[in-house]
Amino acid sequence: MAPRIPKGQSAPLNVTQEGRQRVFVGLGWDPNESTSIKDKTLSKLGLKNIHHDLDLSCYLYDQNKRYINHVSVEKGHEVDQTGQIYHSGDNVKGVGEGDDEQISVELKNLDPAITSIIFKASIKSGHTFDEVAAPEIRLVDAYSGRIFLELSLQDGNESNRPVFVFAALLKATDGGWNILHIGKFIDVPTDVHWAETLKSYI
């Protein structure tokens, strides 16, 4: 599954100029159907969930890299302050075809203060991406179905981590948007403050 934008590089987001100019990031994975004895034991001890529970979120910043808001499955954060960025809802098992979670961004009426949007996938069930069945993430033009960037989350030797920083949408000086392919697996930082951690990528 080759990315269309090399890691660490950016490209114009040539979104279809129709409707609300919606793009979305989709996160998909398959249910855990081969639970090990170790997982079952850790689950009974409350240290690990049998199900693979992945979550998709995005963080919003202004032109000075100041945190504005974030959109995630957290209560009160399913939609941004203007309703133009919104989460599809929490999927805790990966059941269903296609994307299991999505975040949509309607660029046409987006708050002009937002100039950077960073997307990350994380696992809250105590697993790492190399333990999850078929995890993948993609950025799509909702109107045309064109995929701008699509990645497997089990590529390389770095997927033994629970967080993946996928990509950023960066506002250009001409008012358009660019895609920055970040593609970075990371551990959960000590005393994590995601708004601060993620802004280092823009």
N, C-alpha and C. Protein backbone atom coordinates (compact mmCIF):
# COMPACT_ATOMS: atom_id res chain seq x y z
N MET A 1 0.85 -1.19 0.00
CA MET A 1 0.00 0.00 0.00
C MET A 1 0.89 1.24 0.00
N ALA A 2 1.26 1.71 -1.15
CA ALA A 2 2.22 2.81 -1.26
C ALA A 2 1.53 4.16 -1.06
N PRO A 3 2.10 5.03 -0.23
CA PRO A 3 1.53 6.37 -0.08
C PRO A 3 1.74 7.18 -1.34
N ARG A 4 0.84 8.09 -1.59
CA ARG A 4 0.97 8.95 -2.77
C ARG A 4 1.82 10.17 -2.48
N ILE A 5 2.09 10.41 -1.22
CA ILE A 5 2.94 11.53 -0.82
C ILE A 5 4.07 10.94 0.02
N PRO A 6 5.33 11.16 -0.33
CA PRO A 6 6.43 10.61 0.47
C PRO A 6 6.39 11.11 1.91
N LYS A 7 6.82 10.27 2.83
CA LYS A 7 6.86 10.63 4.24
C LYS A 7 7.72 11.87 4.45
N GLY A 8 7.19 12.79 5.24
CA GLY A 8 7.91 14.02 5.52
C GLY A 8 7.71 15.12 4.50
N GLN A 9 6.96 14.82 3.44
CA GLN A 9 6.74 15.82 2.40
C GLN A 9 5.26 16.23 2.35
N SER A 10 5.00 17.34 1.69
CA SER A 10 3.64 17.84 1.58
C SER A 10 3.25 17.99 0.12
N ALA A 11 1.96 18.10 -0.12
CA ALA A 11 1.42 18.26 -1.47
C ALA A 11 0.10 19.01 -1.36
N PRO A 12 -0.32 19.68 -2.42
CA PRO A 12 -1.60 20.39 -2.39
C PRO A 12 -2.77 19.42 -2.18
N LEU A 13 -3.73 19.85 -1.38
CA LEU A 13 -4.95 19.09 -1.18
C LEU A 13 -5.94 19.54 -2.25
N ASN A 14 -5.96 18.84 -3.35
CA ASN A 14 -6.83 19.23 -4.47
C ASN A 14 -8.23 18.68 -4.27
N VAL A 15 -8.92 19.25 -3.29
CA VAL A 15 -10.26 18.79 -2.96
C VAL A 15 -11.25 19.26 -4.02
N THR A 16 -12.26 18.46 -4.26
CA THR A 16 -13.31 18.82 -5.22
C THR A 16 -14.03 20.08 -4.75
N GLN A 17 -14.13 21.06 -5.63
CA GLN A 17 -14.74 22.35 -5.27
C GLN A 17 -16.26 22.29 -5.42
N GLU A 18 -16.86 21.37 -4.70
CA GLU A 18 -18.31 21.19 -4.72
C GLU A 18 -18.81 21.09 -3.29
N GLY A 19 -20.07 21.50 -3.08
CA GLY A 19 -20.70 21.35 -1.78
C GLY A 19 -19.88 21.99 -0.68
N ARG A 20 -19.69 21.25 0.39
CA ARG A 20 -18.98 21.78 1.55
C ARG A 20 -17.48 21.47 1.53
N GLN A 21 -17.01 20.94 0.41
CA GLN A 21 -15.59 20.60 0.25
C GLN A 21 -15.14 19.70 1.41
N ARG A 22 -15.88 18.62 1.60
CA ARG A 22 -15.61 17.73 2.73
C ARG A 22 -14.53 16.72 2.38
N VAL A 23 -13.58 16.58 3.28
CA VAL A 23 -12.62 15.49 3.25
C VAL A 23 -12.78 14.72 4.55
N PHE A 24 -12.33 13.49 4.57
CA PHE A 24 -12.38 12.74 5.83
C PHE A 24 -11.16 11.85 5.97
N VAL A 25 -10.81 11.60 7.22
CA VAL A 25 -9.80 10.59 7.55
C VAL A 25 -10.55 9.39 8.10
N GLY A 26 -10.27 8.22 7.54
CA GLY A 26 -10.91 6.99 7.98
C GLY A 26 -9.89 6.04 8.59
N LEU A 27 -10.26 5.45 9.71
CA LEU A 27 -9.42 4.47 10.41
C LEU A 27 -10.16 3.14 10.41
N GLY A 28 -9.50 2.09 9.93
CA GLY A 28 -10.14 0.78 9.88
C GLY A 28 -9.26 -0.31 10.45
N TRP A 29 -9.88 -1.33 11.02
CA TRP A 29 -9.17 -2.51 11.51
C TRP A 29 -10.17 -3.64 11.64
N ASP A 30 -9.68 -4.86 11.80
CA ASP A 30 -10.55 -6.02 11.92
C ASP A 30 -10.63 -6.47 13.37
N PRO A 31 -11.74 -7.13 13.75
CA PRO A 31 -11.89 -7.60 15.12
C PRO A 31 -10.81 -8.62 15.50
N ASN A 32 -10.52 -8.69 16.79
CA ASN A 32 -9.55 -9.66 17.30
C ASN A 32 -10.21 -11.03 17.38
N GLU A 33 -9.82 -11.93 16.48
CA GLU A 33 -10.42 -13.27 16.44
C GLU A 33 -9.46 -14.36 16.88
N SER A 34 -8.29 -13.97 17.38
CA SER A 34 -7.30 -14.97 17.81
C SER A 34 -6.72 -14.56 19.16
N THR A 35 -7.60 -14.47 20.14
CA THR A 35 -7.18 -14.03 21.47
C THR A 35 -6.26 -15.06 22.11
N SER A 36 -5.10 -14.61 22.54
CA SER A 36 -4.13 -15.51 23.16
C SER A 36 -4.47 -15.74 24.63
N ILE A 37 -3.89 -16.79 25.19
CA ILE A 37 -4.08 -17.08 26.62
C ILE A 37 -3.54 -15.91 27.45
N LYS A 38 -2.42 -15.35 26.97
CA LYS A 38 -1.82 -14.21 27.68
C LYS A 38 -2.80 -13.03 27.72
N ASP A 39 -3.44 -12.74 26.56
CA ASP A 39 -4.40 -11.63 26.51
C ASP A 39 -5.59 -11.88 27.44
N LYS A 40 -6.06 -13.13 27.45
CA LYS A 40 -7.20 -13.47 28.31
C LYS A 40 -6.83 -13.28 29.79
N THR A 41 -5.62 -13.68 30.13
CA THR A 41 -5.16 -13.54 31.51
C THR A 41 -5.03 -12.07 31.90
N LEU A 42 -4.40 -11.29 31.01
CA LEU A 42 -4.24 -9.86 31.29
C LEU A 42 -5.58 -9.14 31.34
N SER A 43 -6.55 -9.63 30.54
CA SER A 43 -7.89 -9.04 30.56
C SER A 43 -8.56 -9.28 31.92
N LYS A 44 -8.41 -10.49 32.44
CA LYS A 44 -9.00 -10.81 33.74
C LYS A 44 -8.38 -9.97 34.86
N LEU A 45 -7.11 -9.61 34.67
CA LEU A 45 -6.42 -8.79 35.67
C LEU A 45 -6.70 -7.30 35.48
N GLY A 46 -7.43 -6.99 34.41
CA GLY A 46 -7.76 -5.60 34.11
C GLY A 46 -6.62 -4.82 33.50
N LEU A 47 -5.61 -5.52 32.96
CA LEU A 47 -4.44 -4.87 32.38
C LEU A 47 -4.52 -4.72 30.88
N LYS A 48 -5.40 -5.48 30.26
CA LYS A 48 -5.49 -5.46 28.80
C LYS A 48 -6.89 -5.86 28.38
N ASN A 49 -7.40 -5.25 27.34
CA ASN A 49 -8.72 -5.58 26.82
C ASN A 49 -8.60 -6.66 25.77
N ILE A 50 -9.52 -7.61 25.74
CA ILE A 50 -9.49 -8.65 24.71
C ILE A 50 -9.71 -8.02 23.34
N HIS A 51 -10.60 -7.06 23.26
CA HIS A 51 -10.89 -6.41 21.98
C HIS A 51 -9.83 -5.35 21.68
N HIS A 52 -9.56 -5.16 20.40
CA HIS A 52 -8.65 -4.11 19.96
C HIS A 52 -9.47 -2.83 19.76
N ASP A 53 -9.26 -1.87 20.63
CA ASP A 53 -10.03 -0.63 20.60
C ASP A 53 -9.14 0.52 20.13
N LEU A 54 -9.31 0.90 18.86
CA LEU A 54 -8.55 2.00 18.28
C LEU A 54 -9.40 3.26 18.25
N ASP A 55 -8.76 4.40 18.37
CA ASP A 55 -9.46 5.68 18.35
C ASP A 55 -8.79 6.65 17.38
N LEU A 56 -9.61 7.45 16.73
CA LEU A 56 -9.14 8.47 15.80
C LEU A 56 -9.42 9.84 16.40
N SER A 57 -8.46 10.74 16.29
CA SER A 57 -8.66 12.10 16.81
C SER A 57 -7.89 13.09 15.95
N CYS A 58 -8.23 14.37 16.09
CA CYS A 58 -7.47 15.42 15.41
C CYS A 58 -7.37 16.63 16.32
N TYR A 59 -6.28 17.38 16.15
CA TYR A 59 -6.00 18.55 16.97
C TYR A 59 -5.88 19.78 16.07
N LEU A 60 -6.46 20.88 16.52
CA LEU A 60 -6.59 22.08 15.71
C LEU A 60 -5.73 23.20 16.29
N TYR A 61 -5.03 23.92 15.40
CA TYR A 61 -4.12 24.99 15.82
C TYR A 61 -4.31 26.22 14.94
N ASP A 62 -3.91 27.37 15.49
CA ASP A 62 -3.95 28.60 14.70
C ASP A 62 -2.59 28.85 14.04
N GLN A 63 -2.44 29.99 13.40
CA GLN A 63 -1.22 30.27 12.65
C GLN A 63 0.02 30.40 13.53
N ASN A 64 -0.18 30.61 14.82
CA ASN A 64 0.93 30.69 15.77
C ASN A 64 1.14 29.38 16.53
N LYS A 65 0.55 28.31 16.02
CA LYS A 65 0.63 26.97 16.61
C LYS A 65 0.01 26.91 18.00
N ARG A 66 -0.94 27.79 18.24
CA ARG A 66 -1.67 27.74 19.51
C ARG A 66 -2.83 26.77 19.37
N TYR A 67 -2.97 25.93 20.36
CA TYR A 67 -4.04 24.93 20.38
C TYR A 67 -5.40 25.61 20.45
N ILE A 68 -6.33 25.16 19.59
CA ILE A 68 -7.69 25.70 19.59
C ILE A 68 -8.67 24.70 20.20
N ASN A 69 -8.62 23.47 19.73
CA ASN A 69 -9.60 22.47 20.14
C ASN A 69 -9.14 21.12 19.61
N HIS A 70 -9.84 20.07 19.99
CA HIS A 70 -9.60 18.77 19.35
C HIS A 70 -10.92 18.04 19.18
N VAL A 71 -10.95 17.12 18.23
CA VAL A 71 -12.13 16.32 17.95
C VAL A 71 -11.76 14.86 18.14
N SER A 72 -12.56 14.15 18.93
CA SER A 72 -12.26 12.75 19.26
C SER A 72 -13.54 12.08 19.73
N VAL A 73 -13.39 10.86 20.27
CA VAL A 73 -14.55 10.15 20.81
C VAL A 73 -14.87 10.60 22.23
N GLU A 74 -14.03 11.44 22.81
CA GLU A 74 -14.27 11.93 24.17
C GLU A 74 -15.59 12.69 24.24
N LYS A 75 -16.29 12.51 25.33
CA LYS A 75 -17.54 13.23 25.52
C LYS A 75 -17.28 14.73 25.51
N GLY A 76 -18.05 15.44 24.69
CA GLY A 76 -17.89 16.88 24.57
C GLY A 76 -16.92 17.30 23.49
N HIS A 77 -16.26 16.32 22.86
CA HIS A 77 -15.29 16.65 21.81
C HIS A 77 -15.60 15.97 20.48
N GLU A 78 -16.81 15.49 20.32
CA GLU A 78 -17.17 14.79 19.08
C GLU A 78 -17.26 15.74 17.88
N VAL A 79 -17.46 17.03 18.16
CA VAL A 79 -17.61 18.05 17.11
C VAL A 79 -16.82 19.28 17.54
N ASP A 80 -16.24 20.01 16.56
CA ASP A 80 -15.51 21.23 16.92
C ASP A 80 -16.49 22.36 17.22
N GLN A 81 -15.95 23.52 17.54
CA GLN A 81 -16.78 24.64 18.02
C GLN A 81 -17.73 25.19 16.97
N THR A 82 -17.49 24.93 15.69
CA THR A 82 -18.36 25.46 14.63
C THR A 82 -19.18 24.38 13.94
N GLY A 83 -18.93 23.11 14.27
CA GLY A 83 -19.68 22.02 13.66
C GLY A 83 -19.15 21.59 12.30
N GLN A 84 -17.99 22.09 11.89
CA GLN A 84 -17.45 21.76 10.57
C GLN A 84 -16.49 20.57 10.61
N ILE A 85 -16.07 20.18 11.81
CA ILE A 85 -15.20 19.01 11.98
C ILE A 85 -15.90 18.09 12.97
N TYR A 86 -16.12 16.85 12.59
CA TYR A 86 -16.93 15.97 13.44
C TYR A 86 -16.53 14.51 13.31
N HIS A 87 -16.71 13.79 14.42
CA HIS A 87 -16.35 12.38 14.54
C HIS A 87 -17.56 11.50 14.29
N SER A 88 -17.34 10.35 13.67
CA SER A 88 -18.44 9.43 13.35
C SER A 88 -18.94 8.65 14.55
N GLY A 89 -18.14 8.58 15.61
CA GLY A 89 -18.53 7.81 16.79
C GLY A 89 -17.54 6.71 17.11
N ASP A 90 -17.60 6.23 18.34
CA ASP A 90 -16.63 5.26 18.85
C ASP A 90 -16.97 3.85 18.39
N ASN A 91 -15.98 3.15 17.84
CA ASN A 91 -16.09 1.73 17.51
C ASN A 91 -15.04 1.02 18.36
N VAL A 92 -15.46 0.16 19.26
CA VAL A 92 -14.52 -0.42 20.23
C VAL A 92 -14.00 -1.79 19.83
N LYS A 93 -14.51 -2.37 18.73
CA LYS A 93 -14.11 -3.73 18.36
C LYS A 93 -13.61 -3.86 16.92
N GLY A 94 -13.81 -2.87 16.07
CA GLY A 94 -13.42 -2.99 14.68
C GLY A 94 -14.40 -3.78 13.84
N VAL A 95 -15.63 -3.91 14.31
CA VAL A 95 -16.64 -4.68 13.59
C VAL A 95 -17.19 -3.84 12.44
N GLY A 96 -17.33 -4.46 11.27
CA GLY A 96 -17.90 -3.77 10.12
C GLY A 96 -16.90 -3.60 9.00
N GLU A 97 -17.42 -3.43 7.79
CA GLU A 97 -16.56 -3.27 6.62
C GLU A 97 -16.11 -1.81 6.48
N GLY A 98 -14.98 -1.61 5.82
CA GLY A 98 -14.50 -0.26 5.55
C GLY A 98 -14.00 0.44 6.80
N ASP A 99 -14.16 1.75 6.83
CA ASP A 99 -13.69 2.54 7.96
C ASP A 99 -14.52 2.24 9.21
N ASP A 100 -13.84 2.07 10.32
CA ASP A 100 -14.54 1.86 11.59
C ASP A 100 -14.77 3.18 12.33
N GLU A 101 -13.91 4.14 12.10
CA GLU A 101 -14.10 5.49 12.63
C GLU A 101 -13.68 6.49 11.56
N GLN A 102 -14.36 7.63 11.53
CA GLN A 102 -14.02 8.69 10.58
C GLN A 102 -14.08 10.05 11.28
N ILE A 103 -13.24 10.95 10.82
CA ILE A 103 -13.37 12.37 11.16
C ILE A 103 -13.52 13.13 9.86
N SER A 104 -14.60 13.90 9.75
CA SER A 104 -14.87 14.71 8.56
C SER A 104 -14.49 16.16 8.81
N VAL A 105 -13.98 16.80 7.76
CA VAL A 105 -13.63 18.22 7.82
C VAL A 105 -14.29 18.91 6.63
N GLU A 106 -15.18 19.85 6.90
CA GLU A 106 -15.84 20.62 5.84
C GLU A 106 -15.05 21.92 5.66
N LEU A 107 -14.23 21.94 4.63
CA LEU A 107 -13.27 23.04 4.46
C LEU A 107 -13.92 24.36 4.06
N LYS A 108 -15.04 24.30 3.38
CA LYS A 108 -15.64 25.52 2.83
C LYS A 108 -15.98 26.54 3.90
N ASN A 109 -16.55 26.10 5.01
CA ASN A 109 -16.97 27.03 6.06
C ASN A 109 -16.18 26.84 7.34
N LEU A 110 -14.95 26.37 7.20
CA LEU A 110 -14.12 26.13 8.38
C LEU A 110 -13.76 27.44 9.07
N ASP A 111 -13.68 27.40 10.38
CA ASP A 111 -13.26 28.56 11.17
C ASP A 111 -11.93 29.07 10.60
N PRO A 112 -11.86 30.33 10.16
CA PRO A 112 -10.63 30.85 9.56
C PRO A 112 -9.44 30.87 10.50
N ALA A 113 -9.70 30.78 11.80
CA ALA A 113 -8.59 30.75 12.76
C ALA A 113 -7.81 29.44 12.71
N ILE A 114 -8.46 28.39 12.20
CA ILE A 114 -7.81 27.08 12.13
C ILE A 114 -6.89 27.04 10.90
N THR A 115 -5.60 26.84 11.14
CA THR A 115 -4.65 26.77 10.03
C THR A 115 -3.89 25.45 9.97
N SER A 116 -4.02 24.63 11.02
CA SER A 116 -3.38 23.31 11.03
C SER A 116 -4.30 22.31 11.71
N ILE A 117 -4.42 21.13 11.11
CA ILE A 117 -5.22 20.04 11.68
C ILE A 117 -4.36 18.78 11.64
N ILE A 118 -4.04 18.22 12.79
CA ILE A 118 -3.19 17.03 12.86
C ILE A 118 -4.04 15.83 13.27
N PHE A 119 -3.89 14.73 12.54
CA PHE A 119 -4.67 13.52 12.81
C PHE A 119 -3.78 12.44 13.42
N LYS A 120 -4.31 11.77 14.45
CA LYS A 120 -3.59 10.65 15.04
C LYS A 120 -4.53 9.49 15.32
N ALA A 121 -3.97 8.29 15.27
CA ALA A 121 -4.69 7.07 15.67
C ALA A 121 -4.00 6.54 16.91
N SER A 122 -4.79 6.05 17.84
CA SER A 122 -4.22 5.51 19.07
C SER A 122 -5.01 4.28 19.52
N ILE A 123 -4.38 3.50 20.38
CA ILE A 123 -5.01 2.27 20.88
C ILE A 123 -5.17 2.40 22.38
N LYS A 124 -6.39 2.28 22.87
CA LYS A 124 -6.61 2.45 24.31
C LYS A 124 -6.89 1.13 25.01
N SER A 125 -6.74 0.01 24.29
CA SER A 125 -7.04 -1.30 24.88
C SER A 125 -5.79 -2.02 25.38
N GLY A 126 -4.65 -1.32 25.42
CA GLY A 126 -3.43 -1.94 25.93
C GLY A 126 -2.61 -2.68 24.90
N HIS A 127 -2.92 -2.49 23.62
CA HIS A 127 -2.20 -3.18 22.54
C HIS A 127 -1.30 -2.21 21.78
N THR A 128 -0.55 -2.78 20.84
CA THR A 128 0.23 -1.99 19.89
C THR A 128 -0.23 -2.35 18.49
N PHE A 129 0.14 -1.53 17.50
CA PHE A 129 -0.39 -1.72 16.15
C PHE A 129 0.02 -3.06 15.53
N ASP A 130 1.17 -3.60 15.92
CA ASP A 130 1.58 -4.88 15.35
C ASP A 130 0.75 -6.05 15.87
N GLU A 131 -0.08 -5.82 16.88
CA GLU A 131 -0.97 -6.85 17.41
C GLU A 131 -2.37 -6.78 16.80
N VAL A 132 -2.66 -5.71 16.08
CA VAL A 132 -4.01 -5.47 15.56
C VAL A 132 -4.14 -6.04 14.15
N ALA A 133 -5.32 -6.58 13.85
CA ALA A 133 -5.57 -7.16 12.53
C ALA A 133 -5.90 -6.07 11.50
N ALA A 134 -5.07 -5.98 10.48
CA ALA A 134 -5.30 -5.12 9.30
C ALA A 134 -5.62 -3.66 9.63
N PRO A 135 -4.83 -3.00 10.48
CA PRO A 135 -5.10 -1.58 10.74
C PRO A 135 -4.63 -0.72 9.57
N GLU A 136 -5.45 0.24 9.17
CA GLU A 136 -5.08 1.14 8.10
C GLU A 136 -5.78 2.48 8.28
N ILE A 137 -5.21 3.50 7.64
CA ILE A 137 -5.74 4.85 7.78
C ILE A 137 -5.63 5.55 6.44
N ARG A 138 -6.60 6.43 6.14
CA ARG A 138 -6.61 7.07 4.82
C ARG A 138 -7.24 8.45 4.90
N LEU A 139 -6.83 9.30 3.97
CA LEU A 139 -7.41 10.64 3.80
C LEU A 139 -8.10 10.67 2.44
N VAL A 140 -9.38 11.05 2.44
CA VAL A 140 -10.23 10.87 1.26
C VAL A 140 -11.02 12.14 0.94
N ASP A 141 -11.19 12.42 -0.35
CA ASP A 141 -12.12 13.44 -0.82
C ASP A 141 -13.52 12.83 -0.77
N ALA A 142 -14.38 13.35 0.09
CA ALA A 142 -15.70 12.75 0.29
C ALA A 142 -16.58 12.85 -0.94
N TYR A 143 -16.39 13.87 -1.76
CA TYR A 143 -17.24 14.06 -2.94
C TYR A 143 -16.87 13.09 -4.06
N SER A 144 -15.59 12.97 -4.36
CA SER A 144 -15.15 12.14 -5.49
C SER A 144 -14.71 10.74 -5.08
N GLY A 145 -14.41 10.55 -3.80
CA GLY A 145 -13.89 9.26 -3.34
C GLY A 145 -12.40 9.11 -3.58
N ARG A 146 -11.76 10.14 -4.08
CA ARG A 146 -10.32 10.07 -4.32
C ARG A 146 -9.56 9.94 -3.01
N ILE A 147 -8.61 9.00 -2.98
CA ILE A 147 -7.78 8.80 -1.79
C ILE A 147 -6.49 9.60 -1.96
N PHE A 148 -6.26 10.54 -1.07
CA PHE A 148 -5.05 11.36 -1.13
C PHE A 148 -3.85 10.64 -0.53
N LEU A 149 -4.11 9.90 0.56
CA LEU A 149 -3.03 9.22 1.27
C LEU A 149 -3.63 8.03 2.00
N GLU A 150 -3.01 6.87 1.86
CA GLU A 150 -3.51 5.65 2.51
C GLU A 150 -2.33 4.84 3.00
N LEU A 151 -2.38 4.42 4.26
CA LEU A 151 -1.25 3.73 4.87
C LEU A 151 -1.70 2.53 5.67
N SER A 152 -0.92 1.46 5.61
CA SER A 152 -1.06 0.36 6.55
C SER A 152 -0.38 0.78 7.85
N LEU A 153 -0.95 0.38 8.97
CA LEU A 153 -0.34 0.71 10.26
C LEU A 153 0.47 -0.46 10.80
N GLN A 154 0.92 -1.32 9.91
CA GLN A 154 1.82 -2.41 10.30
C GLN A 154 3.06 -2.45 9.41
N ASP A 155 3.36 -1.36 8.75
CA ASP A 155 4.55 -1.29 7.90
C ASP A 155 5.81 -1.04 8.72
N GLY A 156 6.91 -1.67 8.32
CA GLY A 156 8.19 -1.41 8.96
C GLY A 156 8.33 -2.03 10.33
N ASN A 157 9.32 -1.56 11.07
CA ASN A 157 9.64 -2.12 12.38
C ASN A 157 9.20 -1.24 13.53
N GLU A 158 8.39 -0.23 13.25
CA GLU A 158 8.02 0.74 14.27
C GLU A 158 6.62 0.54 14.83
N SER A 159 5.90 -0.46 14.32
CA SER A 159 4.48 -0.57 14.67
C SER A 159 4.23 -1.24 16.02
N ASN A 160 5.29 -1.48 16.78
CA ASN A 160 5.10 -2.02 18.13
C ASN A 160 4.89 -0.88 19.13
N ARG A 161 4.13 0.09 18.69
CA ARG A 161 3.79 1.26 19.51
C ARG A 161 2.29 1.51 19.44
N PRO A 162 1.74 2.25 20.41
CA PRO A 162 0.28 2.41 20.49
C PRO A 162 -0.29 3.68 19.86
N VAL A 163 0.56 4.54 19.29
CA VAL A 163 0.09 5.80 18.72
C VAL A 163 0.73 6.01 17.35
N PHE A 164 -0.08 6.49 16.39
CA PHE A 164 0.43 6.80 15.06
C PHE A 164 -0.02 8.20 14.69
N VAL A 165 0.95 9.08 14.44
CA VAL A 165 0.65 10.43 13.98
C VAL A 165 0.61 10.36 12.46
N PHE A 166 -0.56 10.51 11.89
CA PHE A 166 -0.80 10.22 10.47
C PHE A 166 -0.37 11.36 9.54
N ALA A 167 -1.05 12.48 9.63
CA ALA A 167 -0.85 13.56 8.66
C ALA A 167 -1.43 14.85 9.21
N ALA A 168 -1.09 15.94 8.54
CA ALA A 168 -1.65 17.24 8.91
C ALA A 168 -2.19 17.93 7.67
N LEU A 169 -3.27 18.67 7.86
CA LEU A 169 -3.75 19.59 6.84
C LEU A 169 -3.26 20.98 7.23
N LEU A 170 -2.55 21.62 6.32
CA LEU A 170 -1.94 22.92 6.60
C LEU A 170 -2.47 23.96 5.63
N LYS A 171 -2.97 25.06 6.16
CA LYS A 171 -3.53 26.11 5.31
C LYS A 171 -2.42 26.85 4.58
N ALA A 172 -2.58 27.01 3.28
CA ALA A 172 -1.59 27.69 2.45
C ALA A 172 -1.86 29.19 2.41
N THR A 173 -0.87 29.95 1.97
CA THR A 173 -1.02 31.41 1.92
C THR A 173 -2.08 31.86 0.92
N ASP A 174 -2.38 31.01 -0.06
CA ASP A 174 -3.40 31.38 -1.05
C ASP A 174 -4.81 30.99 -0.61
N GLY A 175 -4.94 30.47 0.62
CA GLY A 175 -6.24 30.09 1.15
C GLY A 175 -6.59 28.64 0.93
N GLY A 176 -5.80 27.94 0.13
CA GLY A 176 -6.01 26.51 -0.07
C GLY A 176 -5.38 25.70 1.06
N TRP A 177 -5.29 24.39 0.86
CA TRP A 177 -4.76 23.52 1.90
C TRP A 177 -3.73 22.56 1.31
N ASN A 178 -2.74 22.21 2.13
CA ASN A 178 -1.75 21.20 1.78
C ASN A 178 -1.85 20.02 2.73
N ILE A 179 -1.40 18.86 2.27
CA ILE A 179 -1.32 17.66 3.10
C ILE A 179 0.13 17.44 3.46
N LEU A 180 0.42 17.28 4.73
CA LEU A 180 1.75 16.89 5.18
C LEU A 180 1.70 15.45 5.65
N HIS A 181 2.47 14.58 5.02
CA HIS A 181 2.53 13.17 5.42
C HIS A 181 3.54 13.05 6.56
N ILE A 182 3.03 12.79 7.77
CA ILE A 182 3.89 12.67 8.95
C ILE A 182 4.33 11.21 9.13
N GLY A 183 3.37 10.30 9.27
CA GLY A 183 3.66 8.87 9.30
C GLY A 183 4.60 8.42 10.40
N LYS A 184 4.32 8.79 11.64
CA LYS A 184 5.23 8.53 12.75
C LYS A 184 4.55 7.71 13.85
N PHE A 185 5.13 6.52 14.15
CA PHE A 185 4.69 5.74 15.30
C PHE A 185 5.39 6.28 16.54
N ILE A 186 4.65 6.47 17.62
CA ILE A 186 5.26 6.96 18.86
C ILE A 186 4.67 6.24 20.07
N ASP A 187 5.42 6.30 21.17
CA ASP A 187 4.90 5.82 22.44
C ASP A 187 4.10 6.95 23.09
N VAL A 188 3.30 6.60 24.06
CA VAL A 188 2.56 7.63 24.79
C VAL A 188 3.55 8.33 25.72
N PRO A 189 3.75 9.63 25.55
CA PRO A 189 4.72 10.34 26.39
C PRO A 189 4.31 10.34 27.86
N THR A 190 5.29 10.44 28.74
CA THR A 190 5.02 10.57 30.16
C THR A 190 4.30 11.89 30.41
N ASP A 191 3.29 11.85 31.26
CA ASP A 191 2.49 13.06 31.54
C ASP A 191 2.04 13.71 30.23
N VAL A 192 1.42 12.90 29.39
CA VAL A 192 1.11 13.34 28.03
C VAL A 192 0.17 14.54 28.00
N HIS A 193 0.52 15.49 27.16
CA HIS A 193 -0.35 16.62 26.84
C HIS A 193 -0.35 16.68 25.33
N TRP A 194 -1.35 16.04 24.72
CA TRP A 194 -1.31 15.82 23.28
C TRP A 194 -1.24 17.11 22.47
N ALA A 195 -1.89 18.15 22.94
CA ALA A 195 -1.86 19.41 22.19
C ALA A 195 -0.43 19.93 22.04
N GLU A 196 0.38 19.77 23.08
CA GLU A 196 1.77 20.20 23.02
C GLU A 196 2.62 19.22 22.22
N THR A 197 2.40 17.94 22.44
CA THR A 197 3.19 16.91 21.75
C THR A 197 3.02 16.99 20.24
N LEU A 198 1.79 17.14 19.78
CA LEU A 198 1.51 17.08 18.35
C LEU A 198 1.92 18.33 17.59
N LYS A 199 1.93 19.47 18.25
CA LYS A 199 2.25 20.69 17.51
C LYS A 199 3.70 20.72 17.04
N SER A 200 4.54 19.83 17.58
CA SER A 200 5.93 19.77 17.14
C SER A 200 6.05 19.23 15.72
N TYR A 201 4.96 18.66 15.19
CA TYR A 201 4.99 18.09 13.84
C TYR A 201 4.59 19.10 12.76
N ILE A 202 4.20 20.30 13.16
CA ILE A 202 3.79 21.29 12.15
C ILE A 202 4.75 22.48 12.11
